[in-house]
N, C-alpha and C. Protein backbone atom coordinates (compact mmCIF):
# COMPACT_ATOMS: atom_id res chain seq x y z
N MET A 1 -27.46 16.60 -25.91
CA MET A 1 -27.09 16.67 -24.43
C MET A 1 -27.74 17.87 -23.72
N LYS A 2 -27.86 19.06 -24.52
CA LYS A 2 -28.36 20.26 -23.79
C LYS A 2 -29.89 20.34 -23.86
N LYS A 3 -30.51 19.28 -24.22
CA LYS A 3 -32.04 19.24 -24.35
C LYS A 3 -32.44 18.93 -22.87
N CYS A 4 -31.73 18.61 -22.01
CA CYS A 4 -32.25 18.35 -20.63
C CYS A 4 -31.10 18.64 -19.65
N LYS A 5 -31.47 18.65 -18.39
CA LYS A 5 -30.45 18.94 -17.32
C LYS A 5 -29.96 17.62 -16.74
N ILE A 6 -28.65 17.42 -16.70
CA ILE A 6 -28.08 16.25 -16.19
C ILE A 6 -27.49 16.47 -14.86
N ILE A 7 -27.85 15.66 -13.87
CA ILE A 7 -27.41 15.91 -12.51
C ILE A 7 -26.66 14.66 -12.12
N GLY A 8 -25.31 14.91 -11.65
CA GLY A 8 -24.56 13.82 -11.18
C GLY A 8 -24.84 13.55 -9.67
N LEU A 9 -25.09 12.42 -9.34
CA LEU A 9 -25.43 11.97 -7.89
C LEU A 9 -24.30 10.97 -7.44
N THR A 10 -23.51 11.41 -6.48
CA THR A 10 -22.46 10.61 -6.02
C THR A 10 -22.22 10.71 -4.60
N GLY A 11 -21.21 10.14 -4.00
CA GLY A 11 -20.94 10.17 -2.57
C GLY A 11 -20.16 9.04 -2.15
N GLN A 12 -19.85 9.07 -0.78
CA GLN A 12 -19.08 7.99 -0.18
C GLN A 12 -19.90 6.75 0.08
N SER A 13 -19.24 5.71 0.02
CA SER A 13 -19.96 4.38 0.28
C SER A 13 -20.48 4.38 1.67
N GLY A 14 -21.77 4.06 1.83
CA GLY A 14 -22.36 4.00 3.15
C GLY A 14 -22.99 5.38 3.57
N ALA A 15 -22.88 6.36 2.72
CA ALA A 15 -23.53 7.64 3.09
C ALA A 15 -24.97 7.76 2.90
N GLY A 16 -25.41 6.95 1.92
CA GLY A 16 -26.96 6.94 1.72
C GLY A 16 -27.28 7.43 0.21
N LYS A 17 -26.46 7.19 -0.62
CA LYS A 17 -26.63 7.68 -2.04
C LYS A 17 -27.90 6.93 -2.73
N SER A 18 -27.93 5.65 -2.35
CA SER A 18 -29.04 4.80 -2.98
C SER A 18 -30.43 5.38 -2.49
N THR A 19 -30.47 5.65 -1.18
CA THR A 19 -31.62 6.30 -0.68
C THR A 19 -32.02 7.62 -1.35
N ALA A 20 -31.06 8.44 -1.53
CA ALA A 20 -31.18 9.74 -2.24
C ALA A 20 -31.67 9.45 -3.71
N SER A 21 -31.00 8.51 -4.44
CA SER A 21 -31.43 8.20 -5.72
C SER A 21 -32.96 7.69 -5.88
N ASP A 22 -33.26 6.88 -4.81
CA ASP A 22 -34.70 6.43 -4.84
C ASP A 22 -35.69 7.56 -4.68
N TYR A 23 -35.29 8.53 -3.76
CA TYR A 23 -36.12 9.67 -3.42
C TYR A 23 -36.28 10.50 -4.75
N LEU A 24 -35.14 10.72 -5.48
CA LEU A 24 -35.14 11.58 -6.57
C LEU A 24 -36.02 10.94 -7.72
N ALA A 25 -35.96 9.61 -7.84
CA ALA A 25 -36.79 8.87 -8.76
C ALA A 25 -38.24 9.09 -8.55
N LYS A 26 -38.65 8.96 -7.18
CA LYS A 26 -40.00 9.07 -6.79
C LYS A 26 -40.57 10.54 -6.95
N SER A 27 -39.48 11.42 -7.07
CA SER A 27 -39.76 12.97 -7.23
C SER A 27 -39.97 13.29 -8.68
N GLY A 28 -39.89 12.31 -9.58
CA GLY A 28 -40.06 12.48 -10.90
C GLY A 28 -38.84 12.69 -11.84
N PHE A 29 -37.71 12.54 -11.25
CA PHE A 29 -36.47 12.55 -11.99
C PHE A 29 -36.21 11.24 -12.82
N SER A 30 -35.56 11.25 -14.02
CA SER A 30 -35.28 10.04 -14.74
C SER A 30 -33.92 9.65 -14.12
N VAL A 31 -33.78 8.47 -13.65
CA VAL A 31 -32.42 7.99 -13.01
C VAL A 31 -31.82 6.98 -13.70
N ILE A 32 -30.56 7.18 -14.10
CA ILE A 32 -29.68 6.14 -14.74
C ILE A 32 -28.72 5.64 -13.64
N ASN A 33 -28.59 4.40 -13.37
CA ASN A 33 -27.85 3.90 -12.33
C ASN A 33 -26.57 3.23 -12.93
N ALA A 34 -25.46 3.75 -12.40
CA ALA A 34 -24.14 3.17 -12.89
C ALA A 34 -23.93 1.77 -12.57
N ASP A 35 -24.38 1.29 -11.35
CA ASP A 35 -24.28 -0.18 -11.04
C ASP A 35 -24.98 -0.97 -11.99
N THR A 36 -26.19 -0.60 -12.45
CA THR A 36 -26.95 -1.30 -13.43
C THR A 36 -26.16 -1.46 -14.71
N LEU A 37 -25.54 -0.35 -15.12
CA LEU A 37 -24.74 -0.36 -16.33
C LEU A 37 -23.51 -1.39 -16.18
N VAL A 38 -22.90 -1.36 -14.98
CA VAL A 38 -21.80 -2.24 -14.65
C VAL A 38 -22.13 -3.74 -14.80
N LYS A 39 -23.32 -4.00 -14.35
CA LYS A 39 -23.90 -5.37 -14.30
C LYS A 39 -23.95 -5.86 -15.88
N LYS A 40 -24.37 -4.95 -16.75
CA LYS A 40 -24.46 -5.27 -18.04
C LYS A 40 -23.03 -5.70 -18.77
N ILE A 41 -22.06 -4.80 -18.39
CA ILE A 41 -20.73 -5.09 -19.00
C ILE A 41 -19.95 -6.24 -18.31
N TYR A 42 -20.46 -6.65 -17.15
CA TYR A 42 -19.91 -7.78 -16.39
C TYR A 42 -20.50 -9.15 -16.90
N GLU A 43 -21.34 -9.04 -17.89
CA GLU A 43 -21.80 -10.35 -18.34
C GLU A 43 -20.69 -11.25 -18.93
N SER A 44 -20.87 -12.54 -18.82
CA SER A 44 -19.75 -13.45 -19.18
C SER A 44 -19.41 -13.29 -20.72
N ASP A 45 -18.17 -13.38 -21.00
CA ASP A 45 -17.67 -13.34 -22.44
C ASP A 45 -17.65 -12.01 -23.00
N SER A 46 -18.06 -10.92 -22.11
CA SER A 46 -18.03 -9.56 -22.75
C SER A 46 -16.58 -9.19 -22.81
N PRO A 47 -16.11 -8.22 -23.65
CA PRO A 47 -14.81 -7.76 -23.65
C PRO A 47 -14.24 -7.21 -22.44
N CYS A 48 -15.28 -6.49 -21.64
CA CYS A 48 -14.85 -5.94 -20.38
C CYS A 48 -14.39 -6.97 -19.26
N ILE A 49 -15.21 -8.05 -19.25
CA ILE A 49 -15.01 -9.01 -18.21
C ILE A 49 -13.71 -9.81 -18.50
N LYS A 50 -13.37 -10.02 -19.76
CA LYS A 50 -12.22 -10.67 -20.18
C LYS A 50 -11.01 -9.88 -19.75
N ALA A 51 -11.07 -8.56 -19.91
CA ALA A 51 -9.95 -7.67 -19.46
C ALA A 51 -9.81 -7.64 -17.96
N VAL A 52 -10.99 -7.66 -17.30
CA VAL A 52 -10.93 -7.63 -15.75
C VAL A 52 -10.28 -8.99 -15.32
N CYS A 53 -10.70 -10.10 -15.88
CA CYS A 53 -10.00 -11.31 -15.57
C CYS A 53 -8.58 -11.44 -15.84
N ALA A 54 -8.13 -10.79 -16.90
CA ALA A 54 -6.66 -10.81 -17.20
C ALA A 54 -5.89 -10.00 -16.08
N ALA A 55 -6.53 -8.99 -15.58
CA ALA A 55 -5.90 -8.12 -14.62
C ALA A 55 -6.05 -8.69 -13.24
N PHE A 56 -7.08 -9.26 -12.81
CA PHE A 56 -7.39 -9.74 -11.42
C PHE A 56 -7.50 -11.25 -11.16
N GLY A 57 -7.33 -11.97 -12.32
CA GLY A 57 -7.37 -13.43 -12.09
C GLY A 57 -8.58 -14.08 -12.63
N ALA A 58 -8.43 -15.25 -13.40
CA ALA A 58 -9.54 -15.91 -13.96
C ALA A 58 -10.49 -16.51 -12.90
N ASP A 59 -10.03 -16.64 -11.69
CA ASP A 59 -10.85 -17.26 -10.65
C ASP A 59 -12.00 -16.31 -10.07
N ILE A 60 -11.94 -15.09 -10.60
CA ILE A 60 -13.06 -14.24 -10.12
C ILE A 60 -14.34 -14.55 -10.84
N LEU A 61 -14.20 -15.53 -11.89
CA LEU A 61 -15.41 -15.99 -12.48
C LEU A 61 -15.74 -17.37 -11.94
N GLY A 62 -16.90 -17.60 -11.56
CA GLY A 62 -17.32 -18.96 -11.07
C GLY A 62 -17.48 -19.90 -12.16
N GLU A 63 -17.73 -21.22 -11.76
CA GLU A 63 -17.81 -22.28 -12.87
C GLU A 63 -18.92 -22.08 -13.86
N ASN A 64 -20.00 -21.33 -13.38
CA ASN A 64 -21.06 -20.88 -14.32
C ASN A 64 -20.82 -19.69 -15.10
N GLY A 65 -19.77 -19.14 -14.96
CA GLY A 65 -19.33 -17.82 -15.66
C GLY A 65 -19.84 -16.57 -14.96
N THR A 66 -20.30 -16.67 -13.77
CA THR A 66 -20.81 -15.57 -12.98
C THR A 66 -19.69 -14.89 -12.31
N LEU A 67 -19.65 -13.63 -12.18
CA LEU A 67 -18.63 -12.90 -11.52
C LEU A 67 -18.79 -12.90 -10.09
N ASP A 68 -17.61 -13.29 -9.32
CA ASP A 68 -17.64 -13.24 -7.88
C ASP A 68 -17.31 -11.77 -7.52
N ARG A 69 -18.27 -10.95 -7.32
CA ARG A 69 -18.13 -9.56 -7.15
C ARG A 69 -17.36 -9.28 -5.87
N LYS A 70 -17.59 -10.14 -4.81
CA LYS A 70 -16.88 -10.01 -3.48
C LYS A 70 -15.44 -10.17 -3.63
N LEU A 71 -15.03 -11.27 -4.37
CA LEU A 71 -13.61 -11.59 -4.64
C LEU A 71 -12.98 -10.47 -5.42
N LEU A 72 -13.72 -9.95 -6.38
CA LEU A 72 -13.08 -8.90 -7.20
C LEU A 72 -12.93 -7.62 -6.33
N ALA A 73 -13.94 -7.34 -5.48
CA ALA A 73 -13.83 -6.25 -4.68
C ALA A 73 -12.67 -6.31 -3.68
N GLN A 74 -12.48 -7.48 -3.20
CA GLN A 74 -11.29 -7.74 -2.23
C GLN A 74 -10.00 -7.28 -2.94
N ARG A 75 -9.83 -7.70 -4.12
CA ARG A 75 -8.58 -7.50 -4.88
C ARG A 75 -8.45 -6.11 -5.39
N ALA A 76 -9.57 -5.57 -5.76
CA ALA A 76 -9.61 -4.21 -6.39
C ALA A 76 -9.41 -3.14 -5.38
N PHE A 77 -9.93 -3.40 -4.11
CA PHE A 77 -9.89 -2.41 -3.08
C PHE A 77 -8.67 -2.69 -2.18
N PHE A 78 -7.80 -3.66 -2.50
CA PHE A 78 -6.63 -3.90 -1.80
C PHE A 78 -5.64 -2.76 -1.66
N SER A 79 -5.65 -2.03 -2.84
CA SER A 79 -4.75 -0.83 -2.80
C SER A 79 -5.29 0.23 -3.86
N LYS A 80 -4.95 1.47 -3.67
CA LYS A 80 -5.43 2.49 -4.58
C LYS A 80 -4.99 2.19 -6.03
N GLU A 81 -3.86 1.54 -6.22
CA GLU A 81 -3.33 1.13 -7.53
C GLU A 81 -4.24 0.18 -8.16
N ASN A 82 -4.65 -0.90 -7.43
CA ASN A 82 -5.62 -1.84 -7.96
C ASN A 82 -6.95 -1.23 -8.29
N THR A 83 -7.45 -0.32 -7.37
CA THR A 83 -8.69 0.38 -7.75
C THR A 83 -8.59 1.19 -8.93
N ALA A 84 -7.43 1.86 -9.11
CA ALA A 84 -7.29 2.67 -10.38
C ALA A 84 -7.21 1.71 -11.63
N LEU A 85 -6.60 0.62 -11.53
CA LEU A 85 -6.58 -0.37 -12.56
C LEU A 85 -7.92 -0.87 -13.00
N LEU A 86 -8.77 -1.27 -12.09
CA LEU A 86 -10.04 -1.70 -12.36
C LEU A 86 -10.91 -0.56 -12.99
N ASN A 87 -10.75 0.68 -12.48
CA ASN A 87 -11.45 1.82 -13.00
C ASN A 87 -11.11 2.02 -14.43
N SER A 88 -9.71 1.94 -14.73
CA SER A 88 -9.27 2.21 -16.17
C SER A 88 -9.81 1.25 -17.11
N ILE A 89 -10.18 -0.04 -16.68
CA ILE A 89 -10.79 -1.03 -17.54
C ILE A 89 -12.25 -0.76 -17.79
N VAL A 90 -12.89 -0.57 -16.64
CA VAL A 90 -14.39 -0.54 -16.59
C VAL A 90 -14.99 0.68 -17.14
N HIS A 91 -14.38 1.92 -16.75
CA HIS A 91 -15.06 3.13 -16.96
C HIS A 91 -15.45 3.47 -18.41
N PRO A 92 -14.42 3.15 -19.34
CA PRO A 92 -14.81 3.46 -20.79
C PRO A 92 -16.06 2.74 -21.28
N PHE A 93 -16.27 1.45 -20.83
CA PHE A 93 -17.36 0.68 -21.16
C PHE A 93 -18.69 1.29 -20.54
N VAL A 94 -18.49 1.79 -19.33
CA VAL A 94 -19.73 2.33 -18.59
C VAL A 94 -20.14 3.62 -19.25
N THR A 95 -19.13 4.47 -19.63
CA THR A 95 -19.43 5.76 -20.29
C THR A 95 -20.15 5.52 -21.61
N ALA A 96 -19.79 4.55 -22.37
CA ALA A 96 -20.38 4.23 -23.63
C ALA A 96 -21.88 3.92 -23.47
N TYR A 97 -22.16 3.08 -22.42
CA TYR A 97 -23.48 2.64 -22.06
C TYR A 97 -24.33 4.02 -21.59
N LEU A 98 -23.65 4.73 -20.76
CA LEU A 98 -24.20 5.98 -20.15
C LEU A 98 -24.78 6.85 -21.31
N LEU A 99 -23.93 7.21 -22.27
CA LEU A 99 -24.35 8.07 -23.36
C LEU A 99 -25.45 7.55 -24.12
N SER A 100 -25.48 6.23 -24.40
CA SER A 100 -26.58 5.56 -25.03
C SER A 100 -27.95 5.76 -24.20
N GLU A 101 -27.72 5.52 -22.92
CA GLU A 101 -28.99 5.58 -22.10
C GLU A 101 -29.55 7.05 -21.99
N ILE A 102 -28.60 8.05 -21.92
CA ILE A 102 -28.97 9.49 -21.90
C ILE A 102 -29.82 9.84 -23.17
N LYS A 103 -29.34 9.27 -24.31
CA LYS A 103 -30.06 9.58 -25.60
C LYS A 103 -31.44 8.98 -25.54
N LYS A 104 -31.47 7.83 -24.94
CA LYS A 104 -32.80 7.12 -24.92
C LYS A 104 -33.81 7.88 -24.05
N GLU A 105 -33.33 8.41 -22.95
CA GLU A 105 -34.13 9.15 -21.98
C GLU A 105 -34.58 10.48 -22.59
N ILE A 106 -33.71 11.09 -23.33
CA ILE A 106 -34.07 12.36 -23.91
C ILE A 106 -35.15 12.19 -24.99
N LYS A 107 -34.87 11.11 -25.82
CA LYS A 107 -35.80 10.78 -26.81
C LYS A 107 -37.21 10.47 -26.24
N ASN A 108 -37.25 9.94 -25.02
CA ASN A 108 -38.58 9.58 -24.34
C ASN A 108 -39.08 10.93 -23.57
N GLY A 109 -38.40 12.00 -23.78
CA GLY A 109 -38.99 13.23 -23.22
C GLY A 109 -38.47 13.73 -21.88
N ALA A 110 -37.34 13.02 -21.43
CA ALA A 110 -36.83 13.38 -20.00
C ALA A 110 -36.23 14.74 -20.08
N THR A 111 -36.57 15.60 -19.05
CA THR A 111 -35.91 16.93 -19.00
C THR A 111 -35.01 17.10 -17.82
N MET A 112 -35.04 16.11 -16.87
CA MET A 112 -34.16 16.11 -15.68
C MET A 112 -33.62 14.74 -15.50
N ILE A 113 -32.44 14.44 -15.76
CA ILE A 113 -31.79 13.04 -15.66
C ILE A 113 -30.75 13.14 -14.47
N VAL A 114 -30.91 12.11 -13.79
CA VAL A 114 -29.94 11.96 -12.57
C VAL A 114 -29.05 10.70 -12.90
N TYR A 115 -27.79 10.91 -12.93
CA TYR A 115 -26.84 9.86 -13.08
C TYR A 115 -26.24 9.41 -11.72
N ASP A 116 -26.80 8.35 -11.25
CA ASP A 116 -26.43 7.76 -9.89
C ASP A 116 -25.11 7.02 -10.05
N ALA A 117 -24.00 7.52 -9.58
CA ALA A 117 -22.76 6.98 -9.93
C ALA A 117 -21.73 7.11 -8.67
N PRO A 118 -21.34 5.99 -8.08
CA PRO A 118 -20.40 6.19 -6.94
C PRO A 118 -19.07 6.59 -7.35
N GLN A 119 -18.76 6.35 -8.65
CA GLN A 119 -17.33 6.82 -9.12
C GLN A 119 -17.60 7.83 -10.25
N LEU A 120 -18.43 8.84 -9.96
CA LEU A 120 -18.65 9.90 -10.99
C LEU A 120 -17.50 10.63 -11.37
N PHE A 121 -16.68 11.09 -10.32
CA PHE A 121 -15.45 11.80 -10.69
C PHE A 121 -14.38 10.99 -11.33
N GLU A 122 -14.16 9.75 -10.72
CA GLU A 122 -13.13 8.83 -11.20
C GLU A 122 -13.31 8.41 -12.66
N SER A 123 -14.53 8.45 -13.15
CA SER A 123 -14.87 8.05 -14.52
C SER A 123 -14.93 9.22 -15.37
N ASN A 124 -14.67 10.40 -14.91
CA ASN A 124 -14.79 11.73 -15.64
C ASN A 124 -16.12 11.95 -16.14
N ALA A 125 -17.21 11.31 -15.57
CA ALA A 125 -18.59 11.63 -16.02
C ALA A 125 -19.11 12.93 -15.56
N ASP A 126 -18.40 13.50 -14.54
CA ASP A 126 -18.80 14.74 -14.11
C ASP A 126 -18.78 15.88 -15.13
N VAL A 127 -17.96 15.59 -16.19
CA VAL A 127 -17.78 16.72 -17.24
C VAL A 127 -19.09 16.97 -17.99
N ILE A 128 -20.01 15.89 -18.03
CA ILE A 128 -21.23 16.01 -18.77
C ILE A 128 -22.39 16.44 -17.89
N CYS A 129 -22.20 16.66 -16.64
CA CYS A 129 -23.23 16.98 -15.62
C CYS A 129 -23.36 18.51 -15.46
N ASP A 130 -24.62 19.01 -15.44
CA ASP A 130 -24.87 20.48 -15.21
C ASP A 130 -24.72 20.89 -13.74
N GLU A 131 -25.10 19.90 -12.93
CA GLU A 131 -24.90 20.09 -11.52
C GLU A 131 -24.52 18.73 -10.85
N ILE A 132 -23.81 18.82 -9.69
CA ILE A 132 -23.39 17.66 -8.98
C ILE A 132 -23.78 17.62 -7.60
N VAL A 133 -24.45 16.50 -7.15
CA VAL A 133 -24.90 16.46 -5.76
C VAL A 133 -24.03 15.22 -5.15
N SER A 134 -23.46 15.53 -3.95
CA SER A 134 -22.67 14.51 -3.18
C SER A 134 -23.44 14.26 -1.87
N ILE A 135 -23.48 12.97 -1.53
CA ILE A 135 -24.03 12.51 -0.24
C ILE A 135 -22.86 12.10 0.65
N THR A 136 -22.71 12.65 1.80
CA THR A 136 -21.64 12.37 2.63
C THR A 136 -22.22 12.03 4.06
N ALA A 137 -21.22 11.39 4.89
CA ALA A 137 -21.59 11.08 6.21
C ALA A 137 -20.28 10.82 6.95
N LYS A 138 -20.24 10.84 8.29
CA LYS A 138 -19.12 10.63 9.07
C LYS A 138 -18.51 9.20 8.91
N SER A 139 -17.27 9.06 8.85
CA SER A 139 -16.63 7.78 8.60
C SER A 139 -17.19 6.70 9.50
N SER A 140 -17.37 6.94 10.83
CA SER A 140 -17.84 5.92 11.81
C SER A 140 -19.23 5.50 11.50
N VAL A 141 -20.11 6.41 10.88
CA VAL A 141 -21.41 6.10 10.56
C VAL A 141 -21.40 5.17 9.33
N ARG A 142 -20.59 5.62 8.35
CA ARG A 142 -20.47 4.83 7.05
C ARG A 142 -19.94 3.40 7.31
N LEU A 143 -19.07 3.29 8.20
CA LEU A 143 -18.42 1.94 8.44
C LEU A 143 -19.46 1.05 8.95
N GLU A 144 -20.27 1.50 9.88
CA GLU A 144 -21.36 0.57 10.46
C GLU A 144 -22.36 0.19 9.38
N ARG A 145 -22.79 1.19 8.52
CA ARG A 145 -23.71 0.97 7.45
C ARG A 145 -23.24 0.02 6.43
N ILE A 146 -21.89 0.04 6.13
CA ILE A 146 -21.31 -0.78 4.96
C ILE A 146 -21.28 -2.18 5.57
N CYS A 147 -20.87 -2.42 6.82
CA CYS A 147 -20.68 -3.72 7.48
C CYS A 147 -22.13 -4.40 7.45
N SER A 148 -23.09 -3.61 7.86
CA SER A 148 -24.44 -4.18 7.97
C SER A 148 -25.11 -4.47 6.67
N ARG A 149 -24.88 -3.54 5.70
CA ARG A 149 -25.55 -3.66 4.38
C ARG A 149 -24.88 -4.82 3.53
N ASP A 150 -23.60 -4.85 3.57
CA ASP A 150 -22.93 -5.90 2.68
C ASP A 150 -22.49 -7.19 3.33
N ASN A 151 -22.73 -7.11 4.72
CA ASN A 151 -22.32 -8.24 5.54
C ASN A 151 -20.91 -8.70 5.26
N ILE A 152 -19.98 -7.69 5.48
CA ILE A 152 -18.61 -7.91 5.36
C ILE A 152 -17.91 -7.54 6.61
N PRO A 153 -16.67 -8.00 6.83
CA PRO A 153 -15.88 -7.63 8.08
C PRO A 153 -15.40 -6.20 8.07
N ARG A 154 -15.23 -5.60 9.14
CA ARG A 154 -14.82 -4.26 9.25
C ARG A 154 -13.49 -3.96 8.48
N GLU A 155 -12.63 -4.90 8.44
CA GLU A 155 -11.30 -4.60 7.70
C GLU A 155 -11.56 -4.40 6.23
N LEU A 156 -12.49 -5.22 5.70
CA LEU A 156 -12.75 -5.04 4.22
C LEU A 156 -13.53 -3.72 3.96
N ALA A 157 -14.39 -3.32 4.89
CA ALA A 157 -15.11 -2.12 4.83
C ALA A 157 -14.24 -0.92 4.81
N VAL A 158 -13.37 -1.07 5.79
CA VAL A 158 -12.29 0.08 5.84
C VAL A 158 -11.47 0.19 4.59
N MET A 159 -11.09 -1.02 4.08
CA MET A 159 -10.29 -0.99 2.88
C MET A 159 -10.97 -0.36 1.71
N ARG A 160 -12.32 -0.60 1.63
CA ARG A 160 -13.22 0.00 0.52
C ARG A 160 -13.20 1.46 0.80
N MET A 161 -13.47 2.00 2.06
CA MET A 161 -13.58 3.35 2.37
C MET A 161 -12.30 4.11 2.01
N ASN A 162 -11.17 3.52 2.22
CA ASN A 162 -9.86 4.08 2.02
C ASN A 162 -9.54 4.25 0.52
N ALA A 163 -10.13 3.45 -0.24
CA ALA A 163 -9.89 3.42 -1.70
C ALA A 163 -10.71 4.57 -2.38
N GLN A 164 -11.61 5.29 -1.72
CA GLN A 164 -12.43 6.29 -2.23
C GLN A 164 -11.84 7.63 -1.98
N LEU A 165 -12.46 8.68 -2.67
CA LEU A 165 -12.12 10.05 -2.51
C LEU A 165 -12.58 10.41 -1.11
N ASP A 166 -11.82 11.45 -0.54
CA ASP A 166 -12.17 11.88 0.72
C ASP A 166 -13.21 13.04 0.77
N GLU A 167 -13.75 13.23 1.96
CA GLU A 167 -14.87 14.21 2.03
C GLU A 167 -14.52 15.66 1.57
N LYS A 168 -13.28 16.03 1.77
CA LYS A 168 -12.84 17.34 1.28
C LYS A 168 -12.98 17.45 -0.30
N PHE A 169 -12.62 16.40 -0.92
CA PHE A 169 -12.78 16.41 -2.33
C PHE A 169 -14.27 16.62 -2.84
N PHE A 170 -15.05 15.75 -2.14
CA PHE A 170 -16.53 15.96 -2.50
C PHE A 170 -17.02 17.38 -2.30
N ALA A 171 -16.61 17.89 -1.07
CA ALA A 171 -17.06 19.28 -0.81
C ALA A 171 -16.61 20.33 -1.75
N GLU A 172 -15.47 20.24 -2.33
CA GLU A 172 -14.85 21.10 -3.11
C GLU A 172 -15.29 20.95 -4.64
N SER A 173 -15.78 19.75 -5.04
CA SER A 173 -16.13 19.35 -6.29
C SER A 173 -17.64 19.38 -6.57
N SER A 174 -18.40 19.59 -5.79
CA SER A 174 -19.89 19.41 -5.90
C SER A 174 -20.64 20.74 -5.70
N ASP A 175 -21.82 20.86 -6.37
CA ASP A 175 -22.63 21.97 -6.29
C ASP A 175 -23.47 21.96 -5.02
N TYR A 176 -23.88 20.74 -4.62
CA TYR A 176 -24.68 20.53 -3.45
C TYR A 176 -24.10 19.31 -2.56
N ILE A 177 -24.06 19.49 -1.26
CA ILE A 177 -23.61 18.46 -0.32
C ILE A 177 -24.80 18.18 0.60
N VAL A 178 -25.12 16.94 0.76
CA VAL A 178 -26.20 16.51 1.64
C VAL A 178 -25.53 15.53 2.62
N GLU A 179 -25.50 15.93 3.92
CA GLU A 179 -24.91 15.15 4.96
C GLU A 179 -25.97 14.27 5.49
N ASN A 180 -25.53 12.92 5.71
CA ASN A 180 -26.55 11.96 6.26
C ASN A 180 -26.10 11.30 7.48
N ASN A 181 -25.95 12.05 8.53
CA ASN A 181 -25.50 11.46 9.77
C ASN A 181 -26.53 11.05 10.81
N SER A 182 -27.74 11.62 10.59
CA SER A 182 -28.85 11.31 11.57
C SER A 182 -29.80 10.32 10.98
N GLY A 183 -31.08 10.45 11.34
CA GLY A 183 -32.15 9.49 11.01
C GLY A 183 -32.62 9.77 9.66
N PHE A 184 -33.48 8.91 9.13
CA PHE A 184 -34.12 8.96 7.84
C PHE A 184 -34.99 10.17 7.65
N GLU A 185 -35.63 10.55 8.72
CA GLU A 185 -36.59 11.68 8.60
C GLU A 185 -35.76 12.98 8.27
N GLU A 186 -34.59 13.24 8.91
CA GLU A 186 -33.86 14.35 8.73
C GLU A 186 -33.32 14.37 7.32
N PHE A 187 -32.86 13.23 6.90
CA PHE A 187 -32.32 13.02 5.58
C PHE A 187 -33.28 13.39 4.46
N THR A 188 -34.55 12.85 4.75
CA THR A 188 -35.74 13.10 3.76
C THR A 188 -35.99 14.63 3.62
N THR A 189 -35.94 15.28 4.79
CA THR A 189 -36.11 16.74 4.86
C THR A 189 -35.10 17.47 3.93
N GLN A 190 -33.88 17.01 4.13
CA GLN A 190 -32.79 17.68 3.23
C GLN A 190 -33.03 17.37 1.83
N LEU A 191 -33.42 16.10 1.47
CA LEU A 191 -33.67 15.72 0.09
C LEU A 191 -34.78 16.57 -0.49
N GLU A 192 -35.86 16.73 0.28
CA GLU A 192 -36.94 17.57 -0.16
C GLU A 192 -36.48 18.98 -0.62
N SER A 193 -35.64 19.52 0.24
CA SER A 193 -35.09 20.78 0.02
C SER A 193 -34.27 20.82 -1.34
N LEU A 194 -33.42 19.75 -1.41
CA LEU A 194 -32.58 19.64 -2.56
C LEU A 194 -33.45 19.46 -3.90
N VAL A 195 -34.51 18.87 -3.89
CA VAL A 195 -35.34 18.73 -5.14
C VAL A 195 -35.79 20.15 -5.56
N LYS A 196 -36.23 20.91 -4.61
CA LYS A 196 -36.71 22.24 -4.91
C LYS A 196 -35.59 23.07 -5.62
N LYS A 197 -34.39 22.97 -5.05
CA LYS A 197 -33.25 23.75 -5.57
C LYS A 197 -32.91 23.26 -7.04
N LEU A 198 -32.91 21.96 -7.24
CA LEU A 198 -32.61 21.36 -8.52
C LEU A 198 -33.62 21.82 -9.52
N CYS A 199 -34.84 21.91 -9.18
CA CYS A 199 -35.95 22.31 -10.06
C CYS A 199 -36.06 23.72 -10.42
N GLU A 200 -35.26 24.58 -9.65
CA GLU A 200 -35.28 26.06 -9.88
C GLU A 200 -34.81 26.38 -11.31
């Protein structure tokens, strides 16, 4: 674990974390994406998906065994209790995959690994990170982005936002905060500065 620097990248939904992740990857960082790991454990007949179905209903799986992620999100983000329940099921599986991927990256010579995870803190993955970067934005800005990106009604977007940690938590728990309230050009300038700091 100490053969390379591990950077946790997280932030609020709609803040621009994926854009930041892509920028860091293009800047030479090895990136491990939590959503990619989740897709692996959400494959039909996996122990994880069976536990999720038991908690949130067998109908979250379609006839072909594919997970209906929108339906699951509706139920999981309905309350903080439901969100916590889903996290308690999924996070141990994700962590196991993460540690395996980190070992592979180190074996391949990686010296700077970014773990792109929307729920970095909730999964306790922050404890293995040397530094943490959080991407934030105003709630009004994030709301519009989420609705446009995911093509969902505002009510569902607000539900999703309310289920997440607030901006104060990110500010107090991160080494670097990058605010993304303006255009792409300004955001890119901030990310360029971030890369220099991370490489010091």
